[in-house]
Amino acid sequence: MSTPKKYTVQKSPFVVPTTDGKVIKEHFGLASDGNSKISIAHMVAPPGWSEPFQTPEFDEFTFIIKGKKQFIVDGETLVLEAGESIKIEKHTRIQYSNPFTEPCEYLAICMPAFSIDAVNREKS
């Protein structure tokens, strides 16, 4: 009788369809493995990318791998660069963008997991 594995290797993340040039590969979360407690995604935001303001119902942690990313958090503008990270608490109004000339590669971790119903994006 074999012992069940106590780990999961993700070699085929769920590629989220987008229309804005952003690449989203969810390794763990609702779309990839049904996990509602946490989502982990590898993302690349192209130069000039932005999304509408939102007020998520989850905490979001972002770690910048390459490039720079702009955050407008409750009206305050911040720019993070490679090697830096941020935690945005749930119920905080935020806008993410890459107004720079280079792509921004980063990891996003959401607790509980990201869902389109819980992100509360504003109409642009």
N, C-alpha and C. Protein backbone atom coordinates (compact mmCIF):
# COMPACT_ATOMS: atom_id res chain seq x y z
N MET A 1 0.85 -1.19 0.00
CA MET A 1 0.00 0.00 0.00
C MET A 1 0.89 1.24 0.00
N SER A 2 0.65 2.14 -0.94
CA SER A 2 1.50 3.32 -1.03
C SER A 2 0.95 4.46 -0.18
N THR A 3 1.87 5.26 0.31
CA THR A 3 1.50 6.42 1.11
C THR A 3 1.14 7.58 0.18
N PRO A 4 0.03 8.26 0.46
CA PRO A 4 -0.33 9.39 -0.39
C PRO A 4 0.74 10.49 -0.33
N LYS A 5 0.97 11.14 -1.46
CA LYS A 5 1.96 12.21 -1.51
C LYS A 5 1.47 13.41 -0.71
N LYS A 6 2.41 14.07 -0.04
CA LYS A 6 2.09 15.24 0.76
C LYS A 6 2.58 16.51 0.08
N TYR A 7 2.68 16.47 -1.26
CA TYR A 7 3.08 17.64 -2.02
C TYR A 7 2.43 17.59 -3.40
N THR A 8 2.38 18.74 -4.04
CA THR A 8 1.85 18.85 -5.39
C THR A 8 2.82 19.69 -6.21
N VAL A 9 3.30 19.16 -7.29
CA VAL A 9 4.16 19.90 -8.21
C VAL A 9 3.27 20.44 -9.33
N GLN A 10 3.36 21.74 -9.57
CA GLN A 10 2.54 22.36 -10.62
C GLN A 10 3.43 22.61 -11.84
N LYS A 11 3.20 21.85 -12.89
CA LYS A 11 3.95 22.02 -14.13
C LYS A 11 3.10 22.61 -15.24
N SER A 12 1.80 22.65 -15.02
CA SER A 12 0.88 23.18 -16.04
C SER A 12 -0.08 24.18 -15.41
N PRO A 13 0.40 25.38 -15.06
CA PRO A 13 -0.50 26.36 -14.45
C PRO A 13 -1.63 26.74 -15.40
N PHE A 14 -2.72 27.21 -14.82
CA PHE A 14 -3.85 27.67 -15.61
C PHE A 14 -3.50 29.04 -16.19
N VAL A 15 -3.57 29.16 -17.51
CA VAL A 15 -3.29 30.44 -18.18
C VAL A 15 -4.62 31.18 -18.31
N VAL A 16 -4.72 32.28 -17.60
CA VAL A 16 -5.95 33.06 -17.58
C VAL A 16 -6.06 33.84 -18.89
N PRO A 17 -7.19 33.70 -19.61
CA PRO A 17 -7.34 34.46 -20.85
C PRO A 17 -7.46 35.96 -20.55
N THR A 18 -6.70 36.78 -21.29
CA THR A 18 -6.76 38.23 -21.09
C THR A 18 -6.88 38.91 -22.46
N THR A 19 -7.29 40.16 -22.43
CA THR A 19 -7.41 40.94 -23.67
C THR A 19 -6.51 42.17 -23.65
N ASP A 20 -5.70 42.30 -22.57
CA ASP A 20 -4.90 43.52 -22.41
C ASP A 20 -3.39 43.27 -22.52
N GLY A 21 -3.00 42.07 -22.98
CA GLY A 21 -1.59 41.76 -23.14
C GLY A 21 -0.90 41.23 -21.90
N LYS A 22 -1.59 41.23 -20.77
CA LYS A 22 -1.02 40.73 -19.53
C LYS A 22 -1.02 39.20 -19.56
N VAL A 23 0.08 38.60 -19.09
CA VAL A 23 0.18 37.14 -19.01
C VAL A 23 -0.04 36.75 -17.55
N ILE A 24 -1.02 35.88 -17.31
CA ILE A 24 -1.34 35.42 -15.96
C ILE A 24 -1.31 33.90 -15.97
N LYS A 25 -0.44 33.32 -15.16
CA LYS A 25 -0.36 31.87 -15.01
C LYS A 25 -0.59 31.53 -13.55
N GLU A 26 -1.80 31.04 -13.26
CA GLU A 26 -2.14 30.68 -11.88
C GLU A 26 -1.62 29.28 -11.58
N HIS A 27 -0.73 29.20 -10.60
CA HIS A 27 -0.15 27.91 -10.21
C HIS A 27 -1.04 27.18 -9.20
N PHE A 28 -1.57 27.92 -8.26
CA PHE A 28 -2.50 27.36 -7.29
C PHE A 28 -3.60 28.38 -7.05
N GLY A 29 -4.84 27.91 -6.89
CA GLY A 29 -5.97 28.81 -6.67
C GLY A 29 -7.24 28.22 -7.25
N LEU A 30 -8.29 29.01 -7.26
CA LEU A 30 -9.60 28.53 -7.71
C LEU A 30 -9.58 28.02 -9.14
N ALA A 31 -8.92 28.73 -10.05
CA ALA A 31 -8.94 28.35 -11.47
C ALA A 31 -8.07 27.14 -11.77
N SER A 32 -7.00 26.94 -10.99
CA SER A 32 -6.05 25.87 -11.31
C SER A 32 -6.31 24.57 -10.56
N ASP A 33 -6.49 24.66 -9.25
CA ASP A 33 -6.68 23.42 -8.47
C ASP A 33 -7.86 23.48 -7.51
N GLY A 34 -8.68 24.54 -7.63
CA GLY A 34 -9.88 24.64 -6.81
C GLY A 34 -9.64 25.14 -5.39
N ASN A 35 -8.41 25.56 -5.08
CA ASN A 35 -8.09 26.02 -3.72
C ASN A 35 -8.71 27.40 -3.49
N SER A 36 -9.56 27.51 -2.49
CA SER A 36 -10.21 28.79 -2.21
C SER A 36 -9.48 29.59 -1.13
N LYS A 37 -8.48 28.99 -0.48
CA LYS A 37 -7.78 29.66 0.63
C LYS A 37 -6.66 30.57 0.17
N ILE A 38 -6.01 30.22 -0.96
CA ILE A 38 -4.87 30.99 -1.44
C ILE A 38 -4.76 30.83 -2.95
N SER A 39 -4.27 31.88 -3.60
CA SER A 39 -3.92 31.73 -5.01
C SER A 39 -2.52 32.31 -5.20
N ILE A 40 -1.77 31.65 -6.07
CA ILE A 40 -0.40 32.08 -6.40
C ILE A 40 -0.31 32.13 -7.91
N ALA A 41 0.04 33.32 -8.43
CA ALA A 41 0.10 33.49 -9.88
C ALA A 41 1.40 34.19 -10.27
N HIS A 42 1.95 33.76 -11.41
CA HIS A 42 3.11 34.39 -12.03
C HIS A 42 2.56 35.27 -13.14
N MET A 43 2.95 36.54 -13.14
CA MET A 43 2.36 37.48 -14.09
C MET A 43 3.43 38.31 -14.79
N VAL A 44 3.11 38.73 -16.00
CA VAL A 44 3.93 39.69 -16.73
C VAL A 44 2.99 40.76 -17.27
N ALA A 45 3.19 42.00 -16.80
CA ALA A 45 2.38 43.13 -17.25
C ALA A 45 3.19 43.89 -18.30
N PRO A 46 2.64 44.03 -19.52
CA PRO A 46 3.38 44.71 -20.59
C PRO A 46 3.50 46.21 -20.32
N PRO A 47 4.44 46.88 -20.98
CA PRO A 47 4.53 48.34 -20.86
C PRO A 47 3.20 48.99 -21.22
N GLY A 48 2.80 50.01 -20.45
CA GLY A 48 1.56 50.72 -20.73
C GLY A 48 0.30 50.06 -20.19
N TRP A 49 0.42 48.91 -19.53
CA TRP A 49 -0.74 48.18 -19.03
C TRP A 49 -1.30 48.85 -17.77
N SER A 50 -2.61 48.80 -17.63
CA SER A 50 -3.25 49.20 -16.37
C SER A 50 -4.60 48.51 -16.30
N GLU A 51 -5.13 48.45 -15.10
CA GLU A 51 -6.48 47.91 -14.94
C GLU A 51 -7.28 48.87 -14.08
N PRO A 52 -8.61 48.74 -14.07
CA PRO A 52 -9.44 49.67 -13.30
C PRO A 52 -9.15 49.57 -11.80
N PHE A 53 -9.53 50.63 -11.07
CA PHE A 53 -9.46 50.56 -9.62
C PHE A 53 -10.32 49.41 -9.14
N GLN A 54 -9.94 48.84 -8.00
CA GLN A 54 -10.68 47.73 -7.42
C GLN A 54 -10.57 47.80 -5.90
N THR A 55 -11.49 47.11 -5.23
CA THR A 55 -11.47 47.02 -3.77
C THR A 55 -11.70 45.55 -3.40
N PRO A 56 -10.62 44.74 -3.45
CA PRO A 56 -10.76 43.29 -3.27
C PRO A 56 -11.18 42.87 -1.87
N GLU A 57 -11.79 41.70 -1.82
CA GLU A 57 -12.19 41.07 -0.56
C GLU A 57 -11.13 40.06 -0.12
N PHE A 58 -9.87 40.27 -0.52
CA PHE A 58 -8.77 39.39 -0.15
C PHE A 58 -7.52 40.23 0.04
N ASP A 59 -6.60 39.74 0.88
CA ASP A 59 -5.27 40.35 1.00
C ASP A 59 -4.48 39.95 -0.24
N GLU A 60 -3.68 40.88 -0.78
CA GLU A 60 -2.86 40.54 -1.93
C GLU A 60 -1.41 40.94 -1.66
N PHE A 61 -0.53 39.98 -1.85
CA PHE A 61 0.91 40.17 -1.71
C PHE A 61 1.50 40.17 -3.11
N THR A 62 2.37 41.13 -3.42
CA THR A 62 3.01 41.20 -4.73
C THR A 62 4.52 41.26 -4.53
N PHE A 63 5.25 40.41 -5.25
CA PHE A 63 6.71 40.41 -5.24
C PHE A 63 7.19 40.69 -6.66
N ILE A 64 7.96 41.75 -6.84
CA ILE A 64 8.44 42.15 -8.17
C ILE A 64 9.71 41.36 -8.50
N ILE A 65 9.69 40.64 -9.62
CA ILE A 65 10.84 39.86 -10.08
C ILE A 65 11.72 40.71 -10.99
N LYS A 66 11.09 41.36 -11.99
CA LYS A 66 11.80 42.21 -12.95
C LYS A 66 10.96 43.41 -13.28
N GLY A 67 11.62 44.53 -13.57
CA GLY A 67 10.89 45.73 -13.97
C GLY A 67 10.35 46.50 -12.78
N LYS A 68 9.33 47.32 -13.06
CA LYS A 68 8.69 48.17 -12.04
C LYS A 68 7.18 48.08 -12.21
N LYS A 69 6.47 48.28 -11.11
CA LYS A 69 5.01 48.28 -11.13
C LYS A 69 4.52 49.44 -10.28
N GLN A 70 3.48 50.10 -10.77
CA GLN A 70 2.90 51.22 -10.03
C GLN A 70 1.64 50.77 -9.31
N PHE A 71 1.49 51.26 -8.08
CA PHE A 71 0.34 50.97 -7.23
C PHE A 71 -0.24 52.31 -6.78
N ILE A 72 -1.55 52.48 -6.93
CA ILE A 72 -2.22 53.62 -6.31
C ILE A 72 -3.09 53.03 -5.21
N VAL A 73 -2.66 53.25 -3.96
CA VAL A 73 -3.30 52.65 -2.79
C VAL A 73 -3.98 53.74 -1.99
N ASP A 74 -5.32 53.72 -1.96
CA ASP A 74 -6.08 54.76 -1.25
C ASP A 74 -5.57 56.15 -1.61
N GLY A 75 -5.29 56.39 -2.90
CA GLY A 75 -4.89 57.71 -3.37
C GLY A 75 -3.39 57.98 -3.33
N GLU A 76 -2.60 57.11 -2.70
CA GLU A 76 -1.15 57.29 -2.64
C GLU A 76 -0.47 56.47 -3.73
N THR A 77 0.40 57.10 -4.52
CA THR A 77 1.09 56.41 -5.61
C THR A 77 2.44 55.88 -5.13
N LEU A 78 2.66 54.59 -5.36
CA LEU A 78 3.92 53.93 -5.00
C LEU A 78 4.45 53.21 -6.24
N VAL A 79 5.77 53.12 -6.35
CA VAL A 79 6.39 52.34 -7.42
C VAL A 79 7.34 51.35 -6.76
N LEU A 80 7.15 50.07 -7.08
CA LEU A 80 8.04 49.02 -6.58
C LEU A 80 8.91 48.51 -7.71
N GLU A 81 10.14 48.13 -7.36
CA GLU A 81 11.10 47.63 -8.32
C GLU A 81 11.49 46.20 -7.96
N ALA A 82 12.26 45.58 -8.85
CA ALA A 82 12.70 44.19 -8.66
C ALA A 82 13.28 43.98 -7.26
N GLY A 83 12.85 42.89 -6.61
CA GLY A 83 13.31 42.55 -5.27
C GLY A 83 12.48 43.14 -4.16
N GLU A 84 11.50 44.00 -4.50
CA GLU A 84 10.64 44.60 -3.48
C GLU A 84 9.27 43.93 -3.48
N SER A 85 8.58 44.05 -2.35
CA SER A 85 7.26 43.43 -2.23
C SER A 85 6.34 44.34 -1.42
N ILE A 86 5.04 44.04 -1.52
CA ILE A 86 4.02 44.82 -0.83
C ILE A 86 2.86 43.90 -0.44
N LYS A 87 2.24 44.21 0.68
CA LYS A 87 0.98 43.55 1.07
C LYS A 87 -0.09 44.63 1.06
N ILE A 88 -1.16 44.37 0.32
CA ILE A 88 -2.32 45.26 0.28
C ILE A 88 -3.45 44.55 1.03
N GLU A 89 -3.93 45.17 2.09
CA GLU A 89 -4.98 44.52 2.88
C GLU A 89 -6.32 44.57 2.16
N LYS A 90 -7.13 43.54 2.39
CA LYS A 90 -8.46 43.47 1.78
C LYS A 90 -9.26 44.72 2.13
N HIS A 91 -10.21 45.04 1.29
CA HIS A 91 -11.09 46.20 1.43
C HIS A 91 -10.33 47.52 1.26
N THR A 92 -9.20 47.48 0.55
CA THR A 92 -8.41 48.68 0.25
C THR A 92 -8.58 49.00 -1.24
N ARG A 93 -8.87 50.26 -1.56
CA ARG A 93 -9.02 50.66 -2.96
C ARG A 93 -7.63 50.77 -3.60
N ILE A 94 -7.45 50.06 -4.71
CA ILE A 94 -6.13 49.92 -5.33
C ILE A 94 -6.26 49.95 -6.85
N GLN A 95 -5.24 50.51 -7.49
CA GLN A 95 -5.11 50.35 -8.94
C GLN A 95 -3.68 49.90 -9.23
N TYR A 96 -3.58 48.87 -10.06
CA TYR A 96 -2.29 48.34 -10.49
C TYR A 96 -2.03 48.79 -11.92
N SER A 97 -0.76 49.16 -12.22
CA SER A 97 -0.43 49.54 -13.59
C SER A 97 1.07 49.41 -13.84
N ASN A 98 1.42 49.41 -15.12
CA ASN A 98 2.81 49.45 -15.56
C ASN A 98 2.93 50.57 -16.60
N PRO A 99 3.11 51.82 -16.14
CA PRO A 99 3.23 52.93 -17.08
C PRO A 99 4.65 53.08 -17.64
N PHE A 100 5.49 52.09 -17.39
CA PHE A 100 6.90 52.17 -17.75
C PHE A 100 7.17 51.52 -19.11
N THR A 101 8.41 51.59 -19.59
CA THR A 101 8.74 51.13 -20.94
C THR A 101 9.15 49.66 -20.99
N GLU A 102 9.37 49.04 -19.84
CA GLU A 102 9.77 47.63 -19.78
C GLU A 102 8.64 46.79 -19.18
N PRO A 103 8.53 45.52 -19.57
CA PRO A 103 7.55 44.64 -18.92
C PRO A 103 7.86 44.50 -17.43
N CYS A 104 6.84 44.22 -16.65
CA CYS A 104 7.01 43.96 -15.22
C CYS A 104 6.61 42.51 -14.96
N GLU A 105 7.56 41.74 -14.42
CA GLU A 105 7.30 40.35 -14.06
C GLU A 105 7.18 40.27 -12.54
N TYR A 106 6.12 39.60 -12.07
CA TYR A 106 5.90 39.55 -10.62
C TYR A 106 5.08 38.33 -10.22
N LEU A 107 5.10 38.06 -8.92
CA LEU A 107 4.26 37.03 -8.32
C LEU A 107 3.17 37.72 -7.52
N ALA A 108 1.96 37.21 -7.62
CA ALA A 108 0.84 37.72 -6.83
C ALA A 108 0.27 36.56 -6.01
N ILE A 109 0.11 36.80 -4.72
CA ILE A 109 -0.45 35.80 -3.82
C ILE A 109 -1.66 36.43 -3.15
N CYS A 110 -2.81 35.79 -3.28
CA CYS A 110 -4.06 36.31 -2.70
C CYS A 110 -4.57 35.35 -1.65
N MET A 111 -5.02 35.92 -0.50
CA MET A 111 -5.61 35.13 0.58
C MET A 111 -6.88 35.83 1.05
N PRO A 112 -8.06 35.19 1.00
CA PRO A 112 -8.31 33.95 0.28
C PRO A 112 -8.04 34.11 -1.21
N ALA A 113 -8.22 33.05 -1.94
CA ALA A 113 -7.86 33.02 -3.36
C ALA A 113 -8.56 34.10 -4.17
N PHE A 114 -7.85 34.58 -5.21
CA PHE A 114 -8.44 35.53 -6.15
C PHE A 114 -9.69 34.92 -6.77
N SER A 115 -10.71 35.74 -6.90
CA SER A 115 -11.86 35.37 -7.72
C SER A 115 -12.39 36.66 -8.34
N ILE A 116 -12.91 36.55 -9.54
CA ILE A 116 -13.42 37.73 -10.24
C ILE A 116 -14.59 38.34 -9.47
N ASP A 117 -15.34 37.51 -8.73
CA ASP A 117 -16.47 38.01 -7.95
C ASP A 117 -16.03 38.77 -6.71
N ALA A 118 -14.81 38.50 -6.20
CA ALA A 118 -14.33 39.13 -4.96
C ALA A 118 -13.38 40.30 -5.20
N VAL A 119 -13.05 40.59 -6.48
CA VAL A 119 -12.07 41.66 -6.75
C VAL A 119 -12.73 43.05 -6.77
N ASN A 120 -14.01 43.10 -7.10
CA ASN A 120 -14.78 44.36 -7.08
C ASN A 120 -14.14 45.45 -7.92
N ARG A 121 -13.91 45.14 -9.20
CA ARG A 121 -13.34 46.14 -10.14
C ARG A 121 -14.39 47.20 -10.45
N GLU A 122 -13.91 48.44 -10.51
CA GLU A 122 -14.81 49.54 -10.85
C GLU A 122 -14.97 49.60 -12.38
N LYS A 123 -16.09 50.12 -12.82
CA LYS A 123 -16.30 50.33 -14.25
C LYS A 123 -15.40 51.47 -14.69
N SER A 124 -14.70 51.28 -15.82
CA SER A 124 -13.77 52.33 -16.25
C SER A 124 -14.45 53.42 -17.04
